[in-house]
All heavy atoms as atom14 arrays in JSON, in Angstrom:
{
  "sequence": "RGLDDTFLLEGIRKNPYPYMKKADIIVQPSRFEGKSIVLDEAKILGK",
  "atom14_mask": [
    [1, 1, 1, 1, 1, 1, 1, 1, 1, 1, 1, 0, 0, 0],
    [1, 1, 1, 1, 0, 0, 0, 0, 0, 0, 0, 0, 0, 0],
    [1, 1, 1, 1, 1, 1, 1, 1, 0, 0, 0, 0, 0, 0],
    [1, 1, 1, 1, 1, 1, 1, 1, 0, 0, 0, 0, 0, 0],
    [1, 1, 1, 1, 1, 1, 1, 1, 0, 0, 0, 0, 0, 0],
    [1, 1, 1, 1, 1, 1, 1, 0, 0, 0, 0, 0, 0, 0],
    [1, 1, 1, 1, 1, 1, 1, 1, 1, 1, 1, 0, 0, 0],
    [1, 1, 1, 1, 1, 1, 1, 1, 0, 0, 0, 0, 0, 0],
    [1, 1, 1, 1, 1, 1, 1, 1, 0, 0, 0, 0, 0, 0],
    [1, 1, 1, 1, 1, 1, 1, 1, 1, 0, 0, 0, 0, 0],
    [1, 1, 1, 1, 0, 0, 0, 0, 0, 0, 0, 0, 0, 0],
    [1, 1, 1, 1, 1, 1, 1, 1, 0, 0, 0, 0, 0, 0],
    [1, 1, 1, 1, 1, 1, 1, 1, 1, 1, 1, 0, 0, 0],
    [1, 1, 1, 1, 1, 1, 1, 1, 1, 0, 0, 0, 0, 0],
    [1, 1, 1, 1, 1, 1, 1, 1, 0, 0, 0, 0, 0, 0],
    [1, 1, 1, 1, 1, 1, 1, 0, 0, 0, 0, 0, 0, 0],
    [1, 1, 1, 1, 1, 1, 1, 1, 1, 1, 1, 1, 0, 0],
    [1, 1, 1, 1, 1, 1, 1, 0, 0, 0, 0, 0, 0, 0],
    [1, 1, 1, 1, 1, 1, 1, 1, 1, 1, 1, 1, 0, 0],
    [1, 1, 1, 1, 1, 1, 1, 1, 0, 0, 0, 0, 0, 0],
    [1, 1, 1, 1, 1, 1, 1, 1, 1, 0, 0, 0, 0, 0],
    [1, 1, 1, 1, 1, 1, 1, 1, 1, 0, 0, 0, 0, 0],
    [1, 1, 1, 1, 1, 0, 0, 0, 0, 0, 0, 0, 0, 0],
    [1, 1, 1, 1, 1, 1, 1, 1, 0, 0, 0, 0, 0, 0],
    [1, 1, 1, 1, 1, 1, 1, 1, 0, 0, 0, 0, 0, 0],
    [1, 1, 1, 1, 1, 1, 1, 1, 0, 0, 0, 0, 0, 0],
    [1, 1, 1, 1, 1, 1, 1, 0, 0, 0, 0, 0, 0, 0],
    [1, 1, 1, 1, 1, 1, 1, 1, 1, 0, 0, 0, 0, 0],
    [1, 1, 1, 1, 1, 1, 1, 0, 0, 0, 0, 0, 0, 0],
    [1, 1, 1, 1, 1, 1, 0, 0, 0, 0, 0, 0, 0, 0],
    [1, 1, 1, 1, 1, 1, 1, 1, 1, 1, 1, 0, 0, 0],
    [1, 1, 1, 1, 1, 1, 1, 1, 1, 1, 1, 0, 0, 0],
    [1, 1, 1, 1, 1, 1, 1, 1, 1, 0, 0, 0, 0, 0],
    [1, 1, 1, 1, 0, 0, 0, 0, 0, 0, 0, 0, 0, 0],
    [1, 1, 1, 1, 1, 1, 1, 1, 1, 0, 0, 0, 0, 0],
    [1, 1, 1, 1, 1, 1, 0, 0, 0, 0, 0, 0, 0, 0],
    [1, 1, 1, 1, 1, 1, 1, 1, 0, 0, 0, 0, 0, 0],
    [1, 1, 1, 1, 1, 1, 1, 0, 0, 0, 0, 0, 0, 0],
    [1, 1, 1, 1, 1, 1, 1, 1, 0, 0, 0, 0, 0, 0],
    [1, 1, 1, 1, 1, 1, 1, 1, 0, 0, 0, 0, 0, 0],
    [1, 1, 1, 1, 1, 1, 1, 1, 1, 0, 0, 0, 0, 0],
    [1, 1, 1, 1, 1, 0, 0, 0, 0, 0, 0, 0, 0, 0],
    [1, 1, 1, 1, 1, 1, 1, 1, 1, 0, 0, 0, 0, 0],
    [1, 1, 1, 1, 1, 1, 1, 1, 0, 0, 0, 0, 0, 0],
    [1, 1, 1, 1, 1, 1, 1, 1, 0, 0, 0, 0, 0, 0],
    [1, 1, 1, 1, 0, 0, 0, 0, 0, 0, 0, 0, 0, 0],
    [1, 1, 1, 1, 1, 1, 1, 1, 1, 0, 0, 0, 0, 0]
  ],
  "atom14_positions": [
    [[-116.27, 237.34, 124.95], [-115.16, 237.99, 124.25], [-113.88, 237.15, 124.29], [-112.86, 237.56, 123.76], [-114.86, 239.37, 124.86], [-116.04, 240.34, 124.93], [-116.53, 240.76, 123.57], [-117.47, 241.87, 123.68], [-118.78, 241.74, 123.88], [-119.32, 240.53, 123.99], [-119.57, 242.81, 123.97], [0.0, 0.0, 0.0], [0.0, 0.0, 0.0], [0.0, 0.0, 0.0]],
    [[-113.95, 235.99, 124.94], [-112.77, 235.14, 125.04], [-111.68, 235.71, 125.93], [-110.49, 235.55, 125.66], [0.0, 0.0, 0.0], [0.0, 0.0, 0.0], [0.0, 0.0, 0.0], [0.0, 0.0, 0.0], [0.0, 0.0, 0.0], [0.0, 0.0, 0.0], [0.0, 0.0, 0.0], [0.0, 0.0, 0.0], [0.0, 0.0, 0.0], [0.0, 0.0, 0.0]],
    [[-112.1, 236.34, 127.04], [-111.15, 237.04, 127.91], [-111.07, 236.43, 129.31], [-110.63, 237.1, 130.26], [-111.56, 238.52, 128.02], [-111.58, 239.34, 126.73], [-112.16, 240.73, 127.0], [-110.18, 239.45, 126.13], [0.0, 0.0, 0.0], [0.0, 0.0, 0.0], [0.0, 0.0, 0.0], [0.0, 0.0, 0.0], [0.0, 0.0, 0.0], [0.0, 0.0, 0.0]],
    [[-111.46, 235.17, 129.45], [-111.48, 234.57, 130.79], [-110.12, 234.56, 131.47], [-110.03, 234.56, 132.7], [-112.03, 233.14, 130.71], [-113.52, 233.12, 130.43], [-114.27, 233.75, 131.19], [-113.95, 232.49, 129.44], [0.0, 0.0, 0.0], [0.0, 0.0, 0.0], [0.0, 0.0, 0.0], [0.0, 0.0, 0.0], [0.0, 0.0, 0.0], [0.0, 0.0, 0.0]],
    [[-109.05, 234.52, 130.68], [-107.71, 234.52, 131.26], [-107.03, 235.89, 131.15], [-105.83, 236.02, 131.45], [-106.83, 233.47, 130.57], [-106.69, 233.72, 129.07], [-107.42, 234.59, 128.53], [-105.87, 233.04, 128.43], [0.0, 0.0, 0.0], [0.0, 0.0, 0.0], [0.0, 0.0, 0.0], [0.0, 0.0, 0.0], [0.0, 0.0, 0.0], [0.0, 0.0, 0.0]],
    [[-107.81, 236.91, 130.75], [-107.22, 238.22, 130.5], [-107.89, 239.33, 131.31], [-107.21, 240.22, 131.82], [-107.33, 238.58, 128.99], [-106.78, 237.51, 128.22], [-106.59, 239.86, 128.68], [0.0, 0.0, 0.0], [0.0, 0.0, 0.0], [0.0, 0.0, 0.0], [0.0, 0.0, 0.0], [0.0, 0.0, 0.0], [0.0, 0.0, 0.0], [0.0, 0.0, 0.0]],
    [[-109.22, 239.28, 131.43], [-109.97, 240.28, 132.19], [-110.55, 239.57, 133.41], [-111.49, 238.78, 133.29], [-111.08, 240.89, 131.33], [-111.64, 242.18, 131.88], [-111.19, 243.41, 131.4], [-112.61, 242.17, 132.87], [-111.71, 244.6, 131.9], [-113.13, 243.34, 133.38], [-112.68, 244.57, 132.89], [0.0, 0.0, 0.0], [0.0, 0.0, 0.0], [0.0, 0.0, 0.0]],
    [[-109.99, 239.83, 134.57], [-110.25, 239.02, 135.76], [-111.06, 239.8, 136.8], [-110.61, 240.83, 137.31], [-108.94, 238.56, 136.38], [-107.93, 237.89, 135.43], [-106.66, 237.54, 136.2], [-108.53, 236.65, 134.77], [0.0, 0.0, 0.0], [0.0, 0.0, 0.0], [0.0, 0.0, 0.0], [0.0, 0.0, 0.0], [0.0, 0.0, 0.0], [0.0, 0.0, 0.0]],
    [[-112.25, 239.3, 137.11], [-113.04, 239.85, 138.22], [-112.53, 239.19, 139.49], [-112.92, 238.07, 139.83], [-114.52, 239.59, 138.0], [-115.15, 240.16, 136.73], [-116.64, 239.86, 136.67], [-114.9, 241.67, 136.6], [0.0, 0.0, 0.0], [0.0, 0.0, 0.0], [0.0, 0.0, 0.0], [0.0, 0.0, 0.0], [0.0, 0.0, 0.0], [0.0, 0.0, 0.0]],
    [[-111.65, 239.87, 140.19], [-110.92, 239.28, 141.32], [-111.71, 239.29, 142.63], [-111.27, 238.73, 143.62], [-109.61, 240.04, 141.53], [-108.71, 240.13, 140.3], [-107.77, 238.96, 140.17], [-108.05, 237.91, 140.79], [-106.76, 239.09, 139.47], [0.0, 0.0, 0.0], [0.0, 0.0, 0.0], [0.0, 0.0, 0.0], [0.0, 0.0, 0.0], [0.0, 0.0, 0.0]],
    [[-112.87, 239.95, 142.62], [-113.62, 240.07, 143.86], [-113.16, 241.26, 144.67], [-112.3, 242.04, 144.27], [0.0, 0.0, 0.0], [0.0, 0.0, 0.0], [0.0, 0.0, 0.0], [0.0, 0.0, 0.0], [0.0, 0.0, 0.0], [0.0, 0.0, 0.0], [0.0, 0.0, 0.0], [0.0, 0.0, 0.0], [0.0, 0.0, 0.0], [0.0, 0.0, 0.0]],
    [[-113.73, 241.39, 145.85], [-113.46, 242.56, 146.67], [-112.19, 242.34, 147.49], [-111.87, 241.22, 147.88], [-114.68, 242.85, 147.58], [-114.71, 244.3, 148.01], [-114.71, 241.89, 148.77], [-116.05, 244.73, 148.54], [0.0, 0.0, 0.0], [0.0, 0.0, 0.0], [0.0, 0.0, 0.0], [0.0, 0.0, 0.0], [0.0, 0.0, 0.0], [0.0, 0.0, 0.0]],
    [[-111.48, 243.41, 147.74], [-110.32, 243.4, 148.62], [-110.48, 244.52, 149.62], [-110.64, 245.68, 149.25], [-109.01, 243.62, 147.84], [-108.66, 242.52, 146.86], [-108.28, 241.22, 147.55], [-107.76, 240.25, 146.61], [-108.51, 239.44, 145.86], [-109.83, 239.5, 145.96], [-107.95, 238.57, 145.03], [0.0, 0.0, 0.0], [0.0, 0.0, 0.0], [0.0, 0.0, 0.0]],
    [[-110.45, 244.16, 150.9], [-110.57, 245.17, 151.94], [-109.44, 246.18, 151.84], [-109.62, 247.38, 152.06], [-110.57, 244.5, 153.31], [-110.81, 245.43, 154.47], [-110.89, 244.66, 155.77], [-111.12, 245.58, 156.95], [-111.2, 244.83, 158.22], [0.0, 0.0, 0.0], [0.0, 0.0, 0.0], [0.0, 0.0, 0.0], [0.0, 0.0, 0.0], [0.0, 0.0, 0.0]],
    [[-108.25, 245.7, 151.5], [-107.1, 246.56, 151.29], [-106.64, 246.41, 149.84], [-105.88, 245.5, 149.51], [-105.97, 246.18, 152.24], [-104.7, 247.0, 151.99], [-104.73, 248.04, 151.32], [-103.58, 246.52, 152.51], [0.0, 0.0, 0.0], [0.0, 0.0, 0.0], [0.0, 0.0, 0.0], [0.0, 0.0, 0.0], [0.0, 0.0, 0.0], [0.0, 0.0, 0.0]],
    [[-107.08, 247.31, 148.96], [-106.7, 247.18, 147.54], [-105.34, 247.78, 147.22], [-104.83, 247.64, 146.1], [-107.8, 247.98, 146.83], [-108.14, 249.05, 147.81], [-108.0, 248.43, 149.18], [0.0, 0.0, 0.0], [0.0, 0.0, 0.0], [0.0, 0.0, 0.0], [0.0, 0.0, 0.0], [0.0, 0.0, 0.0], [0.0, 0.0, 0.0], [0.0, 0.0, 0.0]],
    [[-104.72, 248.45, 148.2], [-103.52, 249.23, 147.89], [-102.32, 248.4, 147.43], [-101.58, 248.86, 146.54], [-103.15, 250.11, 149.1], [-104.27, 251.02, 149.53], [-104.68, 251.09, 150.85], [-104.96, 251.8, 148.59], [-105.72, 251.91, 151.25], [-106.0, 252.62, 148.97], [-106.38, 252.66, 150.3], [-107.42, 253.47, 150.69], [0.0, 0.0, 0.0], [0.0, 0.0, 0.0]],
    [[-102.06, 247.21, 147.97], [-100.92, 246.44, 147.43], [-101.11, 246.09, 145.96], [-100.13, 246.05, 145.2], [-100.91, 245.17, 148.3], [-101.62, 245.56, 149.55], [-102.66, 246.54, 149.13], [0.0, 0.0, 0.0], [0.0, 0.0, 0.0], [0.0, 0.0, 0.0], [0.0, 0.0, 0.0], [0.0, 0.0, 0.0], [0.0, 0.0, 0.0], [0.0, 0.0, 0.0]],
    [[-102.35, 245.87, 145.54], [-102.63, 245.53, 144.15], [-102.48, 246.77, 143.26], [-101.96, 246.68, 142.14], [-104.04, 244.95, 144.02], [-104.24, 243.77, 144.93], [-104.8, 243.93, 146.2], [-103.85, 242.49, 144.54], [-104.97, 242.85, 147.05], [-104.03, 241.4, 145.39], [-104.58, 241.59, 146.65], [-104.73, 240.52, 147.49], [0.0, 0.0, 0.0], [0.0, 0.0, 0.0]],
    [[-102.92, 247.91, 143.78], [-102.73, 249.16, 143.03], [-101.24, 249.47, 142.9], [-100.78, 249.93, 141.85], [-103.46, 250.3, 143.74], [-104.97, 250.14, 143.74], [-105.82, 251.42, 144.73], [-105.49, 252.9, 143.74], [0.0, 0.0, 0.0], [0.0, 0.0, 0.0], [0.0, 0.0, 0.0], [0.0, 0.0, 0.0], [0.0, 0.0, 0.0], [0.0, 0.0, 0.0]],
    [[-100.47, 249.2, 143.96], [-99.04, 249.47, 143.92], [-98.34, 248.59, 142.88], [-97.41, 249.02, 142.2], [-98.44, 249.24, 145.3], [-96.95, 249.54, 145.4], [-96.43, 249.28, 146.8], [-94.93, 249.56, 146.9], [-94.42, 249.27, 148.27], [0.0, 0.0, 0.0], [0.0, 0.0, 0.0], [0.0, 0.0, 0.0], [0.0, 0.0, 0.0], [0.0, 0.0, 0.0]],
    [[-98.8, 247.34, 142.76], [-98.18, 246.41, 141.81], [-98.54, 246.72, 140.36], [-97.86, 246.29, 139.43], [-98.62, 244.97, 142.12], [-97.96, 244.34, 143.31], [-98.43, 242.92, 143.53], [-97.96, 242.0, 142.42], [-98.3, 240.58, 142.69], [0.0, 0.0, 0.0], [0.0, 0.0, 0.0], [0.0, 0.0, 0.0], [0.0, 0.0, 0.0], [0.0, 0.0, 0.0]],
    [[-99.62, 247.47, 140.15], [-100.13, 247.72, 138.8], [-99.14, 248.51, 137.96], [-98.42, 249.39, 138.45], [-101.45, 248.48, 138.87], [0.0, 0.0, 0.0], [0.0, 0.0, 0.0], [0.0, 0.0, 0.0], [0.0, 0.0, 0.0], [0.0, 0.0, 0.0], [0.0, 0.0, 0.0], [0.0, 0.0, 0.0], [0.0, 0.0, 0.0], [0.0, 0.0, 0.0]],
    [[-99.13, 248.21, 136.67], [-98.39, 249.04, 135.72], [-99.18, 250.28, 135.36], [-98.62, 251.36, 135.14], [-98.08, 248.23, 134.46], [-97.14, 247.06, 134.74], [-96.01, 247.31, 135.18], [-97.57, 245.9, 134.55], [0.0, 0.0, 0.0], [0.0, 0.0, 0.0], [0.0, 0.0, 0.0], [0.0, 0.0, 0.0], [0.0, 0.0, 0.0], [0.0, 0.0, 0.0]],
    [[-100.5, 250.12, 135.27], [-101.4, 251.24, 134.94], [-102.68, 251.09, 135.77], [-103.2, 249.98, 135.94], [-101.78, 251.24, 133.45], [-100.54, 251.24, 132.56], [-102.67, 252.44, 133.1], [-100.86, 251.06, 131.07], [0.0, 0.0, 0.0], [0.0, 0.0, 0.0], [0.0, 0.0, 0.0], [0.0, 0.0, 0.0], [0.0, 0.0, 0.0], [0.0, 0.0, 0.0]],
    [[-103.19, 252.2, 136.29], [-104.52, 252.25, 136.9], [-105.48, 252.82, 135.86], [-105.23, 253.9, 135.32], [-104.54, 253.14, 138.16], [-103.54, 252.65, 139.21], [-105.96, 253.21, 138.74], [-103.89, 251.34, 139.86], [0.0, 0.0, 0.0], [0.0, 0.0, 0.0], [0.0, 0.0, 0.0], [0.0, 0.0, 0.0], [0.0, 0.0, 0.0], [0.0, 0.0, 0.0]],
    [[-106.56, 252.1, 135.59], [-107.54, 252.56, 134.6], [-108.88, 252.77, 135.29], [-109.35, 251.9, 136.03], [-107.69, 251.57, 133.44], [-108.76, 252.06, 132.46], [-106.36, 251.39, 132.71], [0.0, 0.0, 0.0], [0.0, 0.0, 0.0], [0.0, 0.0, 0.0], [0.0, 0.0, 0.0], [0.0, 0.0, 0.0], [0.0, 0.0, 0.0], [0.0, 0.0, 0.0]],
    [[-109.49, 253.92, 135.04], [-110.84, 254.18, 135.54], [-111.73, 254.51, 134.35], [-111.67, 255.61, 133.81], [-110.85, 255.32, 136.54], [-112.24, 255.58, 137.1], [-112.2, 256.29, 138.43], [-111.43, 255.97, 139.32], [-113.04, 257.3, 138.56], [0.0, 0.0, 0.0], [0.0, 0.0, 0.0], [0.0, 0.0, 0.0], [0.0, 0.0, 0.0], [0.0, 0.0, 0.0]],
    [[-112.59, 253.56, 133.92], [-113.4, 253.74, 132.71], [-114.81, 254.25, 132.98], [-115.75, 253.92, 132.26], [-113.44, 252.32, 132.14], [-113.44, 251.44, 133.37], [-112.66, 252.17, 134.43], [0.0, 0.0, 0.0], [0.0, 0.0, 0.0], [0.0, 0.0, 0.0], [0.0, 0.0, 0.0], [0.0, 0.0, 0.0], [0.0, 0.0, 0.0], [0.0, 0.0, 0.0]],
    [[-114.98, 255.07, 134.01], [-116.3, 255.47, 134.47], [-117.07, 256.31, 133.46], [-116.5, 257.06, 132.66], [-116.2, 256.27, 135.78], [-115.6, 255.52, 136.79], [0.0, 0.0, 0.0], [0.0, 0.0, 0.0], [0.0, 0.0, 0.0], [0.0, 0.0, 0.0], [0.0, 0.0, 0.0], [0.0, 0.0, 0.0], [0.0, 0.0, 0.0], [0.0, 0.0, 0.0]],
    [[-118.4, 256.19, 133.53], [-119.28, 257.07, 132.74], [-119.5, 258.39, 133.46], [-119.68, 259.43, 132.84], [-120.63, 256.36, 132.51], [-120.54, 255.2, 131.52], [-121.91, 254.59, 131.29], [-121.89, 253.71, 130.14], [-121.61, 252.4, 130.19], [-121.34, 251.84, 131.37], [-121.6, 251.67, 129.09], [0.0, 0.0, 0.0], [0.0, 0.0, 0.0], [0.0, 0.0, 0.0]],
    [[-119.51, 258.35, 134.78], [-119.63, 259.58, 135.57], [-119.1, 259.31, 136.97], [-119.07, 258.18, 137.44], [-121.08, 260.09, 135.63], [-122.08, 259.09, 136.16], [-122.4, 259.04, 137.51], [-122.72, 258.19, 135.3], [-123.32, 258.12, 137.98], [-123.65, 257.27, 135.77], [-123.94, 257.24, 137.12], [0.0, 0.0, 0.0], [0.0, 0.0, 0.0], [0.0, 0.0, 0.0]],
    [[-118.64, 260.36, 137.62], [-118.13, 260.32, 138.98], [-118.4, 261.67, 139.62], [-118.61, 262.67, 138.93], [-116.62, 260.05, 139.0], [-116.19, 258.67, 138.55], [-116.39, 257.6, 139.63], [-116.65, 257.97, 140.79], [-116.3, 256.41, 139.3], [0.0, 0.0, 0.0], [0.0, 0.0, 0.0], [0.0, 0.0, 0.0], [0.0, 0.0, 0.0], [0.0, 0.0, 0.0]],
    [[-118.36, 261.7, 140.95], [-118.33, 262.97, 141.64], [-116.88, 263.4, 141.77], [-116.38, 264.24, 141.03], [0.0, 0.0, 0.0], [0.0, 0.0, 0.0], [0.0, 0.0, 0.0], [0.0, 0.0, 0.0], [0.0, 0.0, 0.0], [0.0, 0.0, 0.0], [0.0, 0.0, 0.0], [0.0, 0.0, 0.0], [0.0, 0.0, 0.0], [0.0, 0.0, 0.0]],
    [[-116.18, 262.77, 142.68], [-114.74, 262.93, 142.81], [-114.19, 261.57, 143.2], [-114.54, 261.04, 144.25], [-114.38, 263.99, 143.85], [-112.88, 264.26, 143.94], [-112.61, 265.41, 144.9], [-111.12, 265.77, 144.92], [-110.33, 264.69, 145.54], [0.0, 0.0, 0.0], [0.0, 0.0, 0.0], [0.0, 0.0, 0.0], [0.0, 0.0, 0.0], [0.0, 0.0, 0.0]],
    [[-113.35, 261.02, 142.37], [-112.9, 259.64, 142.56], [-111.81, 259.53, 143.62], [-110.73, 260.12, 143.48], [-112.37, 259.08, 141.24], [-111.69, 257.87, 141.46], [0.0, 0.0, 0.0], [0.0, 0.0, 0.0], [0.0, 0.0, 0.0], [0.0, 0.0, 0.0], [0.0, 0.0, 0.0], [0.0, 0.0, 0.0], [0.0, 0.0, 0.0], [0.0, 0.0, 0.0]],
    [[-112.08, 258.77, 144.67], [-111.06, 258.5, 145.67], [-109.95, 257.64, 145.08], [-108.77, 257.81, 145.4], [-111.7, 257.83, 146.9], [-112.54, 258.85, 147.67], [-110.63, 257.23, 147.82], [-113.2, 258.3, 148.9], [0.0, 0.0, 0.0], [0.0, 0.0, 0.0], [0.0, 0.0, 0.0], [0.0, 0.0, 0.0], [0.0, 0.0, 0.0], [0.0, 0.0, 0.0]],
    [[-110.31, 256.71, 144.2], [-109.31, 255.83, 143.59], [-108.25, 256.63, 142.85], [-107.06, 256.31, 142.91], [-109.99, 254.82, 142.64], [-108.94, 254.05, 141.85], [-110.86, 253.84, 143.43], [0.0, 0.0, 0.0], [0.0, 0.0, 0.0], [0.0, 0.0, 0.0], [0.0, 0.0, 0.0], [0.0, 0.0, 0.0], [0.0, 0.0, 0.0], [0.0, 0.0, 0.0]],
    [[-108.65, 257.69, 142.15], [-107.67, 258.51, 141.44], [-106.71, 259.2, 142.4], [-105.5, 259.26, 142.15], [-108.37, 259.56, 140.57], [-109.14, 259.04, 139.35], [-109.66, 260.22, 138.53], [-108.3, 258.12, 138.49], [0.0, 0.0, 0.0], [0.0, 0.0, 0.0], [0.0, 0.0, 0.0], [0.0, 0.0, 0.0], [0.0, 0.0, 0.0], [0.0, 0.0, 0.0]],
    [[-107.22, 259.7, 143.51], [-106.35, 260.32, 144.5], [-105.38, 259.3, 145.09], [-104.21, 259.59, 145.33], [-107.17, 260.97, 145.61], [-107.79, 262.29, 145.19], [-107.32, 262.88, 144.19], [-108.75, 262.74, 145.84], [0.0, 0.0, 0.0], [0.0, 0.0, 0.0], [0.0, 0.0, 0.0], [0.0, 0.0, 0.0], [0.0, 0.0, 0.0], [0.0, 0.0, 0.0]],
    [[-105.89, 258.09, 145.34], [-105.03, 257.03, 145.86], [-103.96, 256.63, 144.85], [-102.79, 256.41, 145.21], [-105.89, 255.82, 146.24], [-106.82, 256.1, 147.41], [-107.89, 255.04, 147.59], [-108.16, 254.28, 146.63], [-108.46, 254.96, 148.7], [0.0, 0.0, 0.0], [0.0, 0.0, 0.0], [0.0, 0.0, 0.0], [0.0, 0.0, 0.0], [0.0, 0.0, 0.0]],
    [[-104.34, 256.55, 143.58], [-103.38, 256.21, 142.53], [-102.29, 257.28, 142.42], [-101.11, 256.95, 142.19], [-104.11, 256.05, 141.19], [0.0, 0.0, 0.0], [0.0, 0.0, 0.0], [0.0, 0.0, 0.0], [0.0, 0.0, 0.0], [0.0, 0.0, 0.0], [0.0, 0.0, 0.0], [0.0, 0.0, 0.0], [0.0, 0.0, 0.0], [0.0, 0.0, 0.0]],
    [[-102.67, 258.54, 142.6], [-101.67, 259.61, 142.54], [-100.69, 259.51, 143.71], [-99.49, 259.72, 143.55], [-102.37, 260.98, 142.52], [-103.04, 261.28, 141.19], [-103.42, 262.75, 141.04], [-104.58, 263.14, 141.92], [-105.01, 264.54, 141.68], [0.0, 0.0, 0.0], [0.0, 0.0, 0.0], [0.0, 0.0, 0.0], [0.0, 0.0, 0.0], [0.0, 0.0, 0.0]],
    [[-101.22, 259.21, 144.9], [-100.35, 259.04, 146.07], [-99.34, 257.92, 145.82], [-98.17, 258.02, 146.21], [-101.2, 258.74, 147.33], [-101.96, 260.0, 147.75], [-100.32, 258.23, 148.48], [-103.01, 259.76, 148.83], [0.0, 0.0, 0.0], [0.0, 0.0, 0.0], [0.0, 0.0, 0.0], [0.0, 0.0, 0.0], [0.0, 0.0, 0.0], [0.0, 0.0, 0.0]],
    [[-99.78, 256.86, 145.14], [-98.9, 255.73, 144.84], [-98.0, 255.96, 143.62], [-97.14, 255.13, 143.32], [-99.75, 254.47, 144.63], [-100.48, 253.94, 145.88], [-101.49, 252.87, 145.49], [-99.48, 253.39, 146.88], [0.0, 0.0, 0.0], [0.0, 0.0, 0.0], [0.0, 0.0, 0.0], [0.0, 0.0, 0.0], [0.0, 0.0, 0.0], [0.0, 0.0, 0.0]],
    [[-98.23, 257.06, 142.93], [-97.4, 257.39, 141.77], [-97.6, 256.46, 140.59], [-96.63, 256.09, 139.92], [0.0, 0.0, 0.0], [0.0, 0.0, 0.0], [0.0, 0.0, 0.0], [0.0, 0.0, 0.0], [0.0, 0.0, 0.0], [0.0, 0.0, 0.0], [0.0, 0.0, 0.0], [0.0, 0.0, 0.0], [0.0, 0.0, 0.0], [0.0, 0.0, 0.0]],
    [[-98.86, 256.11, 140.31], [-99.14, 255.18, 139.21], [-99.59, 255.93, 137.96], [-100.36, 256.9, 138.05], [-100.23, 254.19, 139.61], [-99.99, 253.46, 140.93], [-98.62, 252.82, 141.03], [-98.39, 251.72, 140.02], [-97.11, 251.03, 140.24], [0.0, 0.0, 0.0], [0.0, 0.0, 0.0], [0.0, 0.0, 0.0], [0.0, 0.0, 0.0], [0.0, 0.0, 0.0]]
  ]
}
């Protein structure tokens, strides 16, 4: 898709919260979930 400089697979982060805090938007494009911890974390961070 020509997105090598736009869509970045950054690898795993043991502590993802500083990156979530820096984000302008948190996006969760899931097909299904039970209850997403990431969404609760994003709400705590006010994103």
